[in-house]
Amino acid sequence: MNLPVEVEISKIKIDDIFNSRGHIGMLSVDDLAKDILKHGLESPIILWKTDKYPGFEYLCVAGNRRLTAFKKLKQNTIPAFI
């Protein structure tokens, strides 16, 4: 079983077209960000390694809201399965 690794958020692309929920705004993750601050991240996000997006190494395939909440909290890294 793979363990999650800490990945630099700046290396992760959120593709609003690929994401079934579409664009996720910072305001929509307020409650989630507060919950993460209080309880920590319950489940790591899931990433694919990619070279499709210049400047990014990974595509977020599950956990776009969690990733956006981490961005709102100004975190540099996030636990992820690759």
N, C-alpha and C. Protein backbone atom coordinates (compact mmCIF):
# COMPACT_ATOMS: atom_id res chain seq x y z
N MET A 1 0.85 -1.19 0.00
CA MET A 1 0.00 0.00 0.00
C MET A 1 0.88 1.24 0.00
N ASN A 2 0.58 2.16 -0.88
CA ASN A 2 1.32 3.41 -0.94
C ASN A 2 0.89 4.33 0.19
N LEU A 3 1.84 5.07 0.70
CA LEU A 3 1.55 6.07 1.72
C LEU A 3 1.46 7.43 1.04
N PRO A 4 0.69 8.35 1.62
CA PRO A 4 0.63 9.69 1.03
C PRO A 4 1.97 10.40 1.20
N VAL A 5 2.25 11.31 0.28
CA VAL A 5 3.45 12.13 0.33
C VAL A 5 3.04 13.60 0.35
N GLU A 6 3.91 14.44 0.87
CA GLU A 6 3.66 15.88 0.85
C GLU A 6 4.07 16.43 -0.51
N VAL A 7 3.17 17.10 -1.19
CA VAL A 7 3.43 17.64 -2.52
C VAL A 7 3.27 19.16 -2.47
N GLU A 8 4.19 19.86 -3.12
CA GLU A 8 4.09 21.32 -3.20
C GLU A 8 2.85 21.71 -3.99
N ILE A 9 2.03 22.53 -3.38
CA ILE A 9 0.77 22.94 -4.00
C ILE A 9 1.00 23.66 -5.32
N SER A 10 2.09 24.40 -5.42
CA SER A 10 2.38 25.15 -6.65
C SER A 10 2.63 24.24 -7.85
N LYS A 11 2.86 22.95 -7.63
CA LYS A 11 3.11 22.00 -8.70
C LYS A 11 1.85 21.26 -9.16
N ILE A 12 0.70 21.61 -8.53
CA ILE A 12 -0.54 20.88 -8.80
C ILE A 12 -1.51 21.73 -9.61
N LYS A 13 -2.00 21.17 -10.71
CA LYS A 13 -2.97 21.84 -11.57
C LYS A 13 -4.38 21.37 -11.23
N ILE A 14 -5.29 22.32 -11.09
CA ILE A 14 -6.72 22.02 -11.03
C ILE A 14 -7.28 22.40 -12.39
N ASP A 15 -7.78 21.42 -13.11
CA ASP A 15 -8.37 21.66 -14.43
C ASP A 15 -9.89 21.70 -14.26
N ASP A 16 -10.46 22.90 -14.38
CA ASP A 16 -11.91 23.07 -14.17
C ASP A 16 -12.74 22.28 -15.16
N ILE A 17 -12.20 22.00 -16.35
CA ILE A 17 -12.93 21.20 -17.33
C ILE A 17 -12.90 19.72 -16.93
N PHE A 18 -11.75 19.26 -16.46
CA PHE A 18 -11.60 17.87 -16.02
C PHE A 18 -12.40 17.61 -14.75
N ASN A 19 -12.45 18.60 -13.86
CA ASN A 19 -13.15 18.48 -12.58
C ASN A 19 -14.67 18.45 -12.81
N SER A 20 -15.31 17.40 -12.36
CA SER A 20 -16.75 17.25 -12.58
C SER A 20 -17.57 18.34 -11.89
N ARG A 21 -17.02 18.99 -10.87
CA ARG A 21 -17.74 20.06 -10.17
C ARG A 21 -17.55 21.41 -10.82
N GLY A 22 -16.65 21.49 -11.80
CA GLY A 22 -16.35 22.77 -12.43
C GLY A 22 -15.45 23.60 -11.52
N HIS A 23 -15.49 24.91 -11.70
CA HIS A 23 -14.66 25.82 -10.91
C HIS A 23 -15.08 25.81 -9.45
N ILE A 24 -14.11 25.78 -8.57
CA ILE A 24 -14.37 25.84 -7.13
C ILE A 24 -13.76 27.14 -6.61
N GLY A 25 -14.59 28.05 -6.16
CA GLY A 25 -14.12 29.34 -5.66
C GLY A 25 -13.68 29.26 -4.20
N MET A 26 -12.85 30.22 -3.81
CA MET A 26 -12.34 30.26 -2.44
C MET A 26 -13.47 30.40 -1.41
N LEU A 27 -14.52 31.16 -1.74
CA LEU A 27 -15.61 31.34 -0.79
C LEU A 27 -16.37 30.04 -0.52
N SER A 28 -16.41 29.16 -1.52
CA SER A 28 -17.18 27.93 -1.36
C SER A 28 -16.50 26.91 -0.45
N VAL A 29 -15.25 27.17 -0.08
CA VAL A 29 -14.53 26.21 0.77
C VAL A 29 -14.27 26.77 2.17
N ASP A 30 -14.95 27.86 2.54
CA ASP A 30 -14.74 28.46 3.86
C ASP A 30 -14.93 27.45 5.00
N ASP A 31 -16.06 26.75 4.99
CA ASP A 31 -16.34 25.79 6.06
C ASP A 31 -15.35 24.64 6.06
N LEU A 32 -14.98 24.17 4.88
CA LEU A 32 -14.01 23.09 4.78
C LEU A 32 -12.65 23.55 5.32
N ALA A 33 -12.22 24.76 4.97
CA ALA A 33 -10.94 25.28 5.45
C ALA A 33 -10.93 25.37 6.98
N LYS A 34 -12.03 25.85 7.56
CA LYS A 34 -12.13 25.94 9.02
C LYS A 34 -12.07 24.55 9.65
N ASP A 35 -12.72 23.58 9.03
CA ASP A 35 -12.71 22.21 9.54
C ASP A 35 -11.30 21.61 9.46
N ILE A 36 -10.59 21.87 8.38
CA ILE A 36 -9.22 21.37 8.24
C ILE A 36 -8.32 21.99 9.30
N LEU A 37 -8.51 23.28 9.57
CA LEU A 37 -7.72 23.93 10.63
C LEU A 37 -7.98 23.29 11.99
N LYS A 38 -9.23 22.97 12.24
CA LYS A 38 -9.62 22.42 13.54
C LYS A 38 -9.25 20.95 13.69
N HIS A 39 -9.46 20.14 12.64
CA HIS A 39 -9.32 18.69 12.75
C HIS A 39 -8.20 18.09 11.91
N GLY A 40 -7.63 18.87 11.02
CA GLY A 40 -6.63 18.34 10.10
C GLY A 40 -7.29 17.75 8.87
N LEU A 41 -6.46 17.34 7.92
CA LEU A 41 -6.97 16.75 6.68
C LEU A 41 -7.26 15.28 6.91
N GLU A 42 -8.51 14.89 6.67
CA GLU A 42 -8.94 13.52 6.92
C GLU A 42 -8.46 12.55 5.84
N SER A 43 -8.46 13.01 4.59
CA SER A 43 -8.14 12.13 3.48
C SER A 43 -7.25 12.87 2.47
N PRO A 44 -6.09 12.29 2.12
CA PRO A 44 -5.21 12.94 1.13
C PRO A 44 -5.91 13.06 -0.23
N ILE A 45 -5.44 14.01 -1.02
CA ILE A 45 -5.95 14.15 -2.39
C ILE A 45 -5.28 13.11 -3.28
N ILE A 46 -5.79 12.97 -4.50
CA ILE A 46 -5.22 12.01 -5.45
C ILE A 46 -4.75 12.78 -6.68
N LEU A 47 -3.51 12.51 -7.07
CA LEU A 47 -2.89 13.20 -8.19
C LEU A 47 -2.43 12.23 -9.25
N TRP A 48 -2.39 12.71 -10.49
CA TRP A 48 -1.73 12.01 -11.60
C TRP A 48 -0.51 12.83 -11.98
N LYS A 49 0.58 12.17 -12.21
CA LYS A 49 1.76 12.85 -12.76
C LYS A 49 1.44 13.19 -14.21
N THR A 50 1.80 14.41 -14.64
CA THR A 50 1.45 14.85 -15.99
C THR A 50 2.49 15.82 -16.54
N ASP A 51 2.59 15.87 -17.84
CA ASP A 51 3.39 16.90 -18.51
C ASP A 51 2.51 17.70 -19.46
N LYS A 52 1.21 17.55 -19.31
CA LYS A 52 0.23 18.20 -20.19
C LYS A 52 0.10 19.71 -19.90
N TYR A 53 0.39 20.13 -18.68
CA TYR A 53 0.20 21.52 -18.26
C TYR A 53 1.55 22.15 -17.94
N PRO A 54 2.07 23.02 -18.80
CA PRO A 54 3.37 23.64 -18.54
C PRO A 54 3.40 24.33 -17.16
N GLY A 55 4.47 24.07 -16.41
CA GLY A 55 4.62 24.67 -15.10
C GLY A 55 4.05 23.83 -13.96
N PHE A 56 3.36 22.76 -14.30
CA PHE A 56 2.78 21.87 -13.28
C PHE A 56 3.28 20.45 -13.48
N GLU A 57 3.46 19.72 -12.38
CA GLU A 57 3.90 18.32 -12.45
C GLU A 57 2.76 17.34 -12.24
N TYR A 58 1.66 17.82 -11.63
CA TYR A 58 0.58 16.92 -11.26
C TYR A 58 -0.77 17.52 -11.64
N LEU A 59 -1.74 16.64 -11.88
CA LEU A 59 -3.13 17.01 -12.08
C LEU A 59 -3.92 16.46 -10.91
N CYS A 60 -4.73 17.29 -10.28
CA CYS A 60 -5.57 16.84 -9.18
C CYS A 60 -6.78 16.11 -9.77
N VAL A 61 -6.91 14.81 -9.46
CA VAL A 61 -8.02 14.03 -10.00
C VAL A 61 -9.10 13.76 -8.95
N ALA A 62 -8.76 13.93 -7.68
CA ALA A 62 -9.76 13.81 -6.60
C ALA A 62 -9.28 14.65 -5.42
N GLY A 63 -10.15 15.54 -4.99
CA GLY A 63 -9.80 16.39 -3.85
C GLY A 63 -9.63 17.85 -4.22
N ASN A 64 -10.29 18.28 -5.27
CA ASN A 64 -10.17 19.68 -5.69
C ASN A 64 -10.62 20.66 -4.61
N ARG A 65 -11.67 20.35 -3.90
CA ARG A 65 -12.14 21.23 -2.81
C ARG A 65 -11.12 21.27 -1.68
N ARG A 66 -10.55 20.12 -1.34
CA ARG A 66 -9.53 20.09 -0.28
C ARG A 66 -8.31 20.89 -0.68
N LEU A 67 -7.89 20.74 -1.94
CA LEU A 67 -6.75 21.49 -2.44
C LEU A 67 -7.03 22.99 -2.41
N THR A 68 -8.21 23.39 -2.82
CA THR A 68 -8.58 24.80 -2.79
C THR A 68 -8.61 25.33 -1.35
N ALA A 69 -9.09 24.51 -0.42
CA ALA A 69 -9.10 24.91 0.99
C ALA A 69 -7.66 25.10 1.50
N PHE A 70 -6.75 24.22 1.10
CA PHE A 70 -5.35 24.37 1.50
C PHE A 70 -4.76 25.64 0.92
N LYS A 71 -5.13 25.98 -0.31
CA LYS A 71 -4.67 27.23 -0.91
C LYS A 71 -5.21 28.42 -0.12
N LYS A 72 -6.48 28.35 0.26
CA LYS A 72 -7.09 29.42 1.06
C LYS A 72 -6.36 29.59 2.38
N LEU A 73 -5.90 28.47 2.95
CA LEU A 73 -5.17 28.51 4.23
C LEU A 73 -3.70 28.87 4.05
N LYS A 74 -3.30 29.15 2.79
CA LYS A 74 -1.93 29.54 2.45
C LYS A 74 -0.90 28.49 2.85
N GLN A 75 -1.27 27.22 2.65
CA GLN A 75 -0.35 26.12 2.90
C GLN A 75 0.56 25.93 1.69
N ASN A 76 1.77 25.46 1.91
CA ASN A 76 2.71 25.23 0.81
C ASN A 76 2.64 23.81 0.26
N THR A 77 2.24 22.85 1.11
CA THR A 77 2.17 21.46 0.69
C THR A 77 0.85 20.86 1.13
N ILE A 78 0.54 19.68 0.52
CA ILE A 78 -0.68 18.95 0.87
C ILE A 78 -0.38 17.46 0.76
N PRO A 79 -0.92 16.65 1.67
CA PRO A 79 -0.76 15.20 1.55
C PRO A 79 -1.51 14.67 0.32
N ALA A 80 -0.83 13.79 -0.43
CA ALA A 80 -1.44 13.29 -1.66
C ALA A 80 -0.97 11.88 -1.96
N PHE A 81 -1.85 11.13 -2.61
CA PHE A 81 -1.49 9.85 -3.23
C PHE A 81 -1.22 10.14 -4.70
N ILE A 82 -0.13 9.60 -5.22
CA ILE A 82 0.23 9.82 -6.62
C ILE A 82 0.11 8.50 -7.37
